[in-house]
Amino acid sequence: MEALWADIWQPAFWVAAGQIIGVNIILSGDNAVVIALACRMLPPRQRLWGMILGAGVAVLLRVVFTLVVAQAMEYPYLKLAGGLLLLWVAVKLVVPEDSEDGGVEAADNLWRAVRIVAIADIVMSLDNVIAIAASAETAAARVDLAHAAAIKTTLIIFGLATSVPLIVAGSAVLMMLLERFPILVWAGAGLLGWVAGDIMAKDVVVAGWIGTDLAHRSEIWAAVAGAIFVLATGYVMRRMRHKGAMIADPGGPGAKK
């Protein structure tokens, strides 16, 4: 413990921590999009808590994935299942649920937003943990090779935890943009669909089906297909919901005079 404490005060440790924070911020762009989309429907007084809890869950899950289950991402069908789950999350974000009184209980809304962020981050962290773990391992070896394992764990936890305020700030900026330009909601959902398609194309099963080279070349097309699927499905579902509302309330605001 004393050796670890001494290593923490070395300049090399703080340089390494800064690298981990930078890598996580770069990789957390899609997390900020999810948090902003999930929290945009919350009451204004709950949005800050939604962003903080969402970012906290995202970072906590990334720590767990990086420290414990980084190797699990190579299991067959895992990325296919995760990609399908992320497609569902993206569609749910662009077609939010309605309720009879215009909204459900505030607490229910808040925890629903946090659940959406958690589900999406589990999927998106599958690829991100590799870059974070590799950066931490390389940096830990430079700080103190004899205690590299302990330093690596400390760097990962410290670097990811201190990036929470930056993720929250990014989510807040995106949420303001979503309120000012609602069309960006579709762009955010399309981005998540893109990520989902890209994740699914990288599953080892796909490489076994069509070959490694073809699977690699098809990643861009799978990403495009994922984005198109989310946007098309969201558009159709919103149209169907609008038509259903018109039938249920012919004299509503959207009815023709």
Protein backbone atom coordinates (compact mmCIF):
# COMPACT_ATOMS: atom_id res chain seq x y z
CA MET A 1 0.00 0.00 0.00
CA GLU A 2 2.84 2.39 0.82
CA ALA A 3 4.48 1.70 -2.54
CA LEU A 4 1.17 2.43 -4.33
CA TRP A 5 0.75 5.66 -2.35
CA ALA A 6 4.26 6.72 -3.32
CA ASP A 7 3.58 5.94 -6.99
CA ILE A 8 0.43 8.07 -6.93
CA TRP A 9 2.51 11.15 -6.14
CA GLN A 10 4.80 10.64 -9.09
CA PRO A 11 4.31 13.04 -12.04
CA ALA A 12 4.16 10.00 -14.35
CA PHE A 13 1.01 8.81 -12.54
CA TRP A 14 -0.82 12.08 -13.17
CA VAL A 15 0.27 12.14 -16.80
CA ALA A 16 -1.13 8.61 -17.14
CA ALA A 17 -4.36 9.61 -15.37
CA GLY A 18 -4.76 12.50 -17.79
CA GLN A 19 -4.36 10.08 -20.69
CA ILE A 20 -7.10 7.81 -19.30
CA ILE A 21 -9.41 10.79 -18.81
CA GLY A 22 -8.74 11.94 -22.38
CA VAL A 23 -9.39 8.49 -23.85
CA ASN A 24 -12.62 8.15 -21.90
CA ILE A 25 -13.87 11.59 -22.98
CA ILE A 26 -13.16 10.77 -26.61
CA LEU A 27 -14.98 7.45 -26.29
CA SER A 28 -17.89 8.94 -24.32
CA GLY A 29 -19.37 11.03 -27.12
CA ASP A 30 -22.07 8.45 -27.75
CA ASN A 31 -22.73 8.20 -24.00
CA ALA A 32 -23.36 11.95 -23.86
CA VAL A 33 -25.81 11.58 -26.75
CA VAL A 34 -27.71 8.81 -24.94
CA ILE A 35 -27.83 10.76 -21.67
CA ALA A 36 -29.07 13.90 -23.43
CA LEU A 37 -31.74 12.01 -25.39
CA ALA A 38 -32.91 10.05 -22.35
CA CYS A 39 -33.09 13.10 -20.06
CA ARG A 40 -34.62 15.60 -22.46
CA MET A 41 -38.19 14.58 -21.48
CA LEU A 42 -37.56 14.90 -17.74
CA PRO A 43 -38.95 17.88 -15.78
CA PRO A 44 -36.35 20.67 -15.72
CA ARG A 45 -35.68 20.23 -11.99
CA GLN A 46 -34.81 16.56 -12.51
CA ARG A 47 -32.60 16.88 -15.57
CA LEU A 48 -29.42 17.59 -13.61
CA TRP A 49 -29.97 14.50 -11.46
CA GLY A 50 -30.72 12.48 -14.57
CA MET A 51 -27.46 13.58 -16.19
CA ILE A 52 -25.41 13.00 -13.02
CA LEU A 53 -26.90 9.56 -12.34
CA GLY A 54 -26.69 8.62 -16.02
CA ALA A 55 -23.04 9.62 -16.26
CA GLY A 56 -22.30 7.90 -12.95
CA VAL A 57 -23.89 4.66 -14.14
CA ALA A 58 -22.02 4.91 -17.45
CA VAL A 59 -18.65 5.33 -15.71
CA LEU A 60 -19.37 2.63 -13.10
CA LEU A 61 -20.30 0.13 -15.81
CA ARG A 62 -17.20 1.04 -17.78
CA VAL A 63 -15.03 0.40 -14.72
CA VAL A 64 -16.66 -3.01 -14.20
CA PHE A 65 -16.31 -3.94 -17.86
CA THR A 66 -12.70 -2.80 -18.00
CA LEU A 67 -11.62 -4.57 -14.82
CA VAL A 68 -13.69 -7.74 -15.02
CA VAL A 69 -15.25 -8.68 -18.34
CA ALA A 70 -13.08 -7.23 -21.08
CA GLN A 71 -12.49 -10.69 -22.51
CA ALA A 72 -16.23 -11.44 -22.65
CA MET A 73 -16.65 -9.22 -25.70
CA GLU A 74 -15.17 -11.99 -27.84
CA TYR A 75 -17.96 -14.43 -26.95
CA PRO A 76 -20.02 -15.47 -30.01
CA TYR A 77 -23.36 -13.70 -30.49
CA LEU A 78 -22.67 -11.20 -27.68
CA LYS A 79 -22.22 -8.23 -30.02
CA LEU A 80 -25.16 -9.31 -32.19
CA ALA A 81 -27.43 -9.39 -29.14
CA GLY A 82 -25.99 -6.12 -27.85
CA GLY A 83 -26.43 -4.41 -31.21
CA LEU A 84 -30.08 -5.48 -31.40
CA LEU A 85 -30.62 -4.17 -27.87
CA LEU A 86 -29.04 -0.84 -28.79
CA LEU A 87 -31.27 -0.58 -31.88
CA TRP A 88 -34.27 -1.00 -29.61
CA VAL A 89 -32.96 1.68 -27.23
CA ALA A 90 -32.41 4.09 -30.13
CA VAL A 91 -35.96 3.60 -31.41
CA LYS A 92 -37.37 4.08 -27.89
CA LEU A 93 -35.48 7.36 -27.57
CA VAL A 94 -36.88 8.76 -30.81
CA VAL A 95 -40.42 7.52 -30.04
CA PRO A 96 -40.86 8.36 -26.34
CA GLU A 97 -43.68 6.76 -24.39
CA ASP A 98 -46.84 8.73 -23.80
CA SER A 99 -49.21 8.61 -20.87
CA GLU A 100 -52.79 9.68 -20.37
CA ASP A 101 -51.93 12.64 -18.17
CA GLY A 102 -49.07 13.83 -20.33
CA GLY A 103 -46.35 12.18 -18.23
CA VAL A 104 -45.74 9.55 -15.60
CA GLU A 105 -44.52 10.16 -12.09
CA ALA A 106 -41.32 12.20 -11.95
CA ALA A 107 -39.35 9.53 -10.09
CA ASP A 108 -40.48 6.90 -12.58
CA ASN A 109 -39.35 9.16 -15.41
CA LEU A 110 -35.96 9.68 -13.75
CA TRP A 111 -35.22 6.01 -13.18
CA ARG A 112 -36.48 5.13 -16.64
CA ALA A 113 -33.94 7.54 -18.09
CA VAL A 114 -31.17 6.04 -15.95
CA ARG A 115 -32.18 2.51 -17.05
CA ILE A 116 -32.02 3.55 -20.70
CA VAL A 117 -28.54 5.01 -20.19
CA ALA A 118 -27.40 1.84 -18.37
CA ILE A 119 -28.67 -0.50 -21.10
CA ALA A 120 -27.11 1.56 -23.89
CA ASP A 121 -23.80 1.92 -22.06
CA ILE A 122 -23.52 -1.82 -21.45
CA VAL A 123 -23.61 -2.33 -25.21
CA MET A 124 -21.40 0.60 -26.20
CA SER A 125 -18.79 -0.22 -23.56
CA LEU A 126 -17.98 -3.54 -25.22
CA ASP A 127 -15.54 -1.88 -27.59
CA ASN A 128 -14.49 1.07 -25.47
CA VAL A 129 -13.08 -1.00 -22.62
CA ILE A 130 -10.33 -2.40 -24.81
CA ALA A 131 -8.88 1.06 -25.53
CA ILE A 132 -9.16 2.12 -21.88
CA ALA A 133 -7.61 -1.09 -20.55
CA ALA A 134 -4.75 -0.94 -23.06
CA SER A 135 -4.02 2.70 -22.23
CA ALA A 136 -4.04 1.99 -18.50
CA GLU A 137 -1.77 -1.05 -18.85
CA THR A 138 0.80 0.84 -20.92
CA ALA A 139 0.72 3.83 -18.58
CA ALA A 140 0.99 1.67 -15.44
CA ALA A 141 4.11 -0.03 -16.78
CA ARG A 142 5.74 3.39 -17.23
CA VAL A 143 4.90 4.48 -13.68
CA ASP A 144 6.09 1.38 -11.78
CA LEU A 145 6.48 -1.98 -13.49
CA ALA A 146 6.74 -3.84 -10.17
CA HIS A 147 3.26 -2.68 -9.09
CA ALA A 148 1.71 -2.32 -12.55
CA ALA A 149 -1.46 -4.31 -11.74
CA ALA A 150 -2.41 -2.15 -8.75
CA ILE A 151 -1.53 1.07 -10.58
CA LYS A 152 -3.58 -0.03 -13.61
CA THR A 153 -6.67 -0.57 -11.43
CA THR A 154 -6.15 2.77 -9.67
CA LEU A 155 -5.69 4.60 -12.97
CA ILE A 156 -8.86 3.11 -14.46
CA ILE A 157 -11.04 3.94 -11.44
CA PHE A 158 -9.56 7.42 -10.93
CA GLY A 159 -9.53 8.36 -14.60
CA LEU A 160 -13.08 7.22 -15.30
CA ALA A 161 -14.51 8.69 -12.08
CA THR A 162 -12.99 12.13 -12.68
CA SER A 163 -14.42 12.22 -16.20
CA VAL A 164 -18.01 12.26 -14.85
CA PRO A 165 -18.25 16.09 -14.67
CA LEU A 166 -17.05 16.36 -18.27
CA ILE A 167 -19.62 13.82 -19.48
CA VAL A 168 -22.35 15.68 -17.57
CA ALA A 169 -21.24 18.97 -19.11
CA GLY A 170 -21.28 17.46 -22.59
CA SER A 171 -24.76 16.03 -21.95
CA ALA A 172 -26.01 19.42 -20.76
CA VAL A 173 -24.74 21.15 -23.91
CA LEU A 174 -26.31 18.48 -26.11
CA MET A 175 -29.62 18.77 -24.25
CA MET A 176 -29.73 22.52 -24.85
CA LEU A 177 -29.08 21.88 -28.54
CA LEU A 178 -31.84 19.24 -28.64
CA GLU A 179 -34.30 21.72 -27.14
CA ARG A 180 -33.31 24.42 -29.60
CA PHE A 181 -33.09 22.12 -32.63
CA PRO A 182 -35.47 19.13 -32.16
CA ILE A 183 -34.33 17.63 -35.47
CA LEU A 184 -31.09 16.71 -33.68
CA VAL A 185 -33.06 14.05 -31.78
CA TRP A 186 -33.23 12.12 -35.05
CA ALA A 187 -29.53 12.68 -35.64
CA GLY A 188 -28.73 11.31 -32.17
CA ALA A 189 -30.94 8.26 -32.69
CA GLY A 190 -29.33 7.69 -36.09
CA LEU A 191 -25.90 7.84 -34.44
CA LEU A 192 -26.91 5.13 -31.97
CA GLY A 193 -28.22 3.03 -34.85
CA TRP A 194 -24.87 3.52 -36.60
CA VAL A 195 -23.01 2.34 -33.48
CA ALA A 196 -25.34 -0.67 -33.15
CA GLY A 197 -24.78 -1.75 -36.75
CA ASP A 198 -21.03 -1.37 -36.39
CA ILE A 199 -21.01 -3.44 -33.18
CA MET A 200 -23.05 -6.24 -34.78
CA ALA A 201 -20.74 -6.45 -37.80
CA LYS A 202 -17.77 -7.01 -35.46
CA ASP A 203 -19.22 -10.13 -33.84
CA VAL A 204 -16.94 -13.15 -34.30
CA VAL A 205 -19.92 -15.12 -35.59
CA VAL A 206 -20.31 -12.74 -38.55
CA ALA A 207 -16.64 -13.24 -39.46
CA GLY A 208 -17.25 -16.99 -39.33
CA TRP A 209 -20.25 -16.69 -41.63
CA ILE A 210 -18.84 -14.46 -44.36
CA GLY A 211 -15.10 -14.40 -43.70
CA THR A 212 -12.92 -11.94 -41.80
CA ASP A 213 -12.06 -9.73 -44.78
CA LEU A 214 -15.65 -9.38 -45.97
CA ALA A 215 -16.88 -8.81 -42.42
CA HIS A 216 -14.35 -6.00 -41.99
CA ARG A 217 -15.35 -4.37 -45.29
CA SER A 218 -19.04 -4.65 -44.42
CA GLU A 219 -18.75 -2.75 -41.13
CA ILE A 220 -19.49 0.63 -42.73
CA TRP A 221 -22.52 -0.75 -44.56
CA ALA A 222 -23.81 -2.42 -41.39
CA ALA A 223 -23.48 0.92 -39.58
CA VAL A 224 -25.40 2.71 -42.34
CA ALA A 225 -28.08 0.00 -42.26
CA GLY A 226 -28.40 0.39 -38.49
CA ALA A 227 -28.88 4.16 -38.76
CA ILE A 228 -31.45 3.78 -41.56
CA PHE A 229 -33.32 1.10 -39.59
CA VAL A 230 -33.65 3.32 -36.51
CA LEU A 231 -34.76 6.38 -38.48
CA ALA A 232 -37.24 4.45 -40.64
CA THR A 233 -38.68 2.49 -37.71
CA GLY A 234 -38.94 5.62 -35.58
CA TYR A 235 -40.70 7.51 -38.39
CA VAL A 236 -43.21 4.69 -38.98
CA MET A 237 -43.95 4.30 -35.27
CA ARG A 238 -44.46 8.03 -34.78
CA ARG A 239 -46.81 8.14 -37.77
CA MET A 240 -48.80 5.19 -36.44
CA ARG A 241 -49.01 6.77 -32.99
CA HIS A 242 -50.13 10.06 -34.49
CA LYS A 243 -52.84 8.34 -36.54
CA GLY A 244 -53.97 6.40 -33.46
CA ALA A 245 -54.24 9.63 -31.48
CA MET A 246 -56.28 11.23 -34.29
CA ILE A 247 -58.70 8.30 -34.31
CA ALA A 248 -59.04 8.34 -30.53
CA ASP A 249 -59.56 12.13 -30.47
CA PRO A 250 -60.94 13.34 -33.82
CA GLY A 251 -61.38 16.86 -32.47
CA GLY A 252 -57.84 17.16 -31.19
CA PRO A 253 -55.33 19.86 -32.13
CA GLY A 254 -54.22 17.97 -35.23
CA ALA A 255 -57.71 17.48 -36.62
CA LYS A 256 -58.66 19.24 -39.81
CA LYS A 257 -61.31 21.92 -39.49
